[in-house]
Amino acid sequence: MKTVTIVGVDEVDLERGYVSWISSVARALLKARIGDTVALHTPTGVQQIDIVDVRYPH
């Protein structure tokens, strides 16, 4: 399991799992809800991502 945090473009830190809100990963996840499976199109093919939790940190 991997945790991704969607942040502003000036806060990106891939080692910590922080991705920009304009990245393809974030755009695929923005409207996802718990239980959804999201298709992420990458250069190596389509990757299926299962949404198991959504949190809104302070």
N, C-alpha and C. Protein backbone atom coordinates (compact mmCIF):
# COMPACT_ATOMS: atom_id res chain seq x y z
N MET A 1 0.84 -1.17 0.00
CA MET A 1 0.00 0.00 0.00
C MET A 1 0.89 1.24 0.00
N LYS A 2 0.49 2.25 -0.76
CA LYS A 2 1.24 3.49 -0.85
C LYS A 2 0.31 4.66 -0.57
N THR A 3 0.81 5.61 0.19
CA THR A 3 0.05 6.81 0.50
C THR A 3 0.54 7.95 -0.38
N VAL A 4 -0.40 8.68 -0.96
CA VAL A 4 -0.09 9.83 -1.79
C VAL A 4 -0.79 11.04 -1.18
N THR A 5 -0.06 12.14 -1.06
CA THR A 5 -0.62 13.39 -0.57
C THR A 5 -0.58 14.39 -1.71
N ILE A 6 -1.73 14.97 -2.03
CA ILE A 6 -1.81 15.95 -3.11
C ILE A 6 -1.51 17.32 -2.51
N VAL A 7 -0.51 18.00 -3.09
CA VAL A 7 -0.04 19.28 -2.56
C VAL A 7 0.12 20.30 -3.68
N GLY A 8 0.50 21.51 -3.32
CA GLY A 8 0.77 22.56 -4.30
C GLY A 8 2.06 22.25 -5.04
N VAL A 9 2.25 22.94 -6.16
CA VAL A 9 3.41 22.66 -7.01
C VAL A 9 4.73 22.96 -6.32
N ASP A 10 4.73 23.84 -5.35
CA ASP A 10 5.96 24.18 -4.65
C ASP A 10 6.26 23.27 -3.46
N GLU A 11 5.39 22.28 -3.21
CA GLU A 11 5.55 21.37 -2.08
C GLU A 11 5.88 19.93 -2.49
N VAL A 12 6.09 19.68 -3.77
CA VAL A 12 6.31 18.33 -4.28
C VAL A 12 7.55 17.70 -3.64
N ASP A 13 7.38 16.46 -3.19
CA ASP A 13 8.49 15.67 -2.62
C ASP A 13 8.13 14.21 -2.88
N LEU A 14 8.60 13.66 -3.99
CA LEU A 14 8.20 12.32 -4.39
C LEU A 14 8.63 11.25 -3.39
N GLU A 15 9.75 11.46 -2.71
CA GLU A 15 10.20 10.48 -1.72
C GLU A 15 9.21 10.38 -0.56
N ARG A 16 8.52 11.46 -0.24
CA ARG A 16 7.53 11.46 0.84
C ARG A 16 6.13 11.17 0.32
N GLY A 17 5.97 10.99 -1.00
CA GLY A 17 4.66 10.71 -1.57
C GLY A 17 3.83 11.95 -1.83
N TYR A 18 4.46 13.13 -1.87
CA TYR A 18 3.77 14.38 -2.13
C TYR A 18 3.80 14.65 -3.63
N VAL A 19 2.62 14.69 -4.25
CA VAL A 19 2.52 14.94 -5.68
C VAL A 19 1.74 16.23 -5.93
N SER A 20 2.09 16.93 -6.98
CA SER A 20 1.44 18.18 -7.32
C SER A 20 0.00 17.95 -7.75
N TRP A 21 -0.87 18.89 -7.40
CA TRP A 21 -2.28 18.78 -7.75
C TRP A 21 -2.50 18.80 -9.26
N ILE A 22 -1.50 19.23 -10.03
CA ILE A 22 -1.66 19.24 -11.49
C ILE A 22 -1.03 18.01 -12.15
N SER A 23 -0.48 17.10 -11.36
CA SER A 23 0.14 15.90 -11.93
C SER A 23 -0.95 14.93 -12.41
N SER A 24 -0.56 14.03 -13.29
CA SER A 24 -1.53 13.04 -13.79
C SER A 24 -2.04 12.13 -12.68
N VAL A 25 -1.20 11.81 -11.71
CA VAL A 25 -1.63 10.98 -10.57
C VAL A 25 -2.72 11.71 -9.78
N ALA A 26 -2.46 12.96 -9.44
CA ALA A 26 -3.44 13.73 -8.66
C ALA A 26 -4.74 13.92 -9.43
N ARG A 27 -4.65 14.24 -10.72
CA ARG A 27 -5.86 14.42 -11.51
C ARG A 27 -6.70 13.15 -11.55
N ALA A 28 -6.05 11.99 -11.58
CA ALA A 28 -6.78 10.73 -11.58
C ALA A 28 -7.44 10.47 -10.24
N LEU A 29 -6.84 10.97 -9.16
CA LEU A 29 -7.33 10.67 -7.81
C LEU A 29 -8.29 11.70 -7.24
N LEU A 30 -8.33 12.90 -7.78
CA LEU A 30 -9.06 13.99 -7.15
C LEU A 30 -10.54 13.70 -6.88
N LYS A 31 -11.21 13.02 -7.76
CA LYS A 31 -12.64 12.76 -7.57
C LYS A 31 -12.92 11.35 -7.06
N ALA A 32 -11.87 10.62 -6.73
CA ALA A 32 -12.04 9.23 -6.29
C ALA A 32 -12.58 9.17 -4.86
N ARG A 33 -13.29 8.10 -4.59
CA ARG A 33 -13.85 7.86 -3.27
C ARG A 33 -13.41 6.48 -2.79
N ILE A 34 -13.53 6.24 -1.51
CA ILE A 34 -13.17 4.94 -0.94
C ILE A 34 -13.94 3.85 -1.67
N GLY A 35 -13.23 2.81 -2.07
CA GLY A 35 -13.84 1.70 -2.79
C GLY A 35 -13.71 1.80 -4.30
N ASP A 36 -13.37 2.98 -4.81
CA ASP A 36 -13.19 3.16 -6.26
C ASP A 36 -11.90 2.50 -6.73
N THR A 37 -11.87 2.13 -7.98
CA THR A 37 -10.64 1.73 -8.66
C THR A 37 -10.41 2.73 -9.78
N VAL A 38 -9.24 3.36 -9.76
CA VAL A 38 -8.92 4.42 -10.71
C VAL A 38 -7.88 3.89 -11.69
N ALA A 39 -8.08 4.17 -12.97
CA ALA A 39 -7.11 3.78 -13.99
C ALA A 39 -6.15 4.94 -14.21
N LEU A 40 -4.87 4.68 -13.98
CA LEU A 40 -3.83 5.68 -14.21
C LEU A 40 -3.05 5.29 -15.45
N HIS A 41 -3.08 6.14 -16.46
CA HIS A 41 -2.38 5.86 -17.72
C HIS A 41 -0.94 6.35 -17.61
N THR A 42 0.01 5.43 -17.70
CA THR A 42 1.44 5.74 -17.59
C THR A 42 2.13 5.36 -18.89
N PRO A 43 3.37 5.79 -19.09
CA PRO A 43 4.10 5.41 -20.30
C PRO A 43 4.29 3.89 -20.43
N THR A 44 4.26 3.17 -19.32
CA THR A 44 4.44 1.71 -19.37
C THR A 44 3.12 0.96 -19.42
N GLY A 45 2.01 1.68 -19.46
CA GLY A 45 0.71 1.04 -19.53
C GLY A 45 -0.25 1.58 -18.48
N VAL A 46 -1.40 0.94 -18.38
CA VAL A 46 -2.42 1.36 -17.43
C VAL A 46 -2.19 0.68 -16.09
N GLN A 47 -2.22 1.49 -15.03
CA GLN A 47 -2.07 0.96 -13.68
C GLN A 47 -3.38 1.17 -12.94
N GLN A 48 -3.89 0.13 -12.31
CA GLN A 48 -5.13 0.22 -11.54
C GLN A 48 -4.79 0.58 -10.10
N ILE A 49 -5.45 1.59 -9.57
CA ILE A 49 -5.23 2.03 -8.20
C ILE A 49 -6.53 1.86 -7.43
N ASP A 50 -6.49 1.07 -6.35
CA ASP A 50 -7.64 0.87 -5.49
C ASP A 50 -7.60 1.90 -4.37
N ILE A 51 -8.68 2.64 -4.19
CA ILE A 51 -8.75 3.66 -3.15
C ILE A 51 -9.26 3.00 -1.87
N VAL A 52 -8.40 2.95 -0.86
CA VAL A 52 -8.76 2.29 0.40
C VAL A 52 -9.02 3.29 1.53
N ASP A 53 -8.57 4.53 1.35
CA ASP A 53 -8.79 5.53 2.39
C ASP A 53 -8.60 6.91 1.77
N VAL A 54 -9.33 7.89 2.27
CA VAL A 54 -9.18 9.28 1.85
C VAL A 54 -9.13 10.11 3.13
N ARG A 55 -8.11 10.94 3.24
CA ARG A 55 -7.96 11.80 4.41
C ARG A 55 -7.70 13.23 3.97
N TYR A 56 -8.10 14.14 4.79
CA TYR A 56 -7.89 15.56 4.55
C TYR A 56 -7.07 16.11 5.71
N PRO A 57 -5.72 16.07 5.60
CA PRO A 57 -4.87 16.54 6.70
C PRO A 57 -5.01 18.06 6.90
N HIS A 58 -4.77 18.48 8.10
CA HIS A 58 -4.85 19.91 8.46
C HIS A 58 -3.61 20.62 8.05
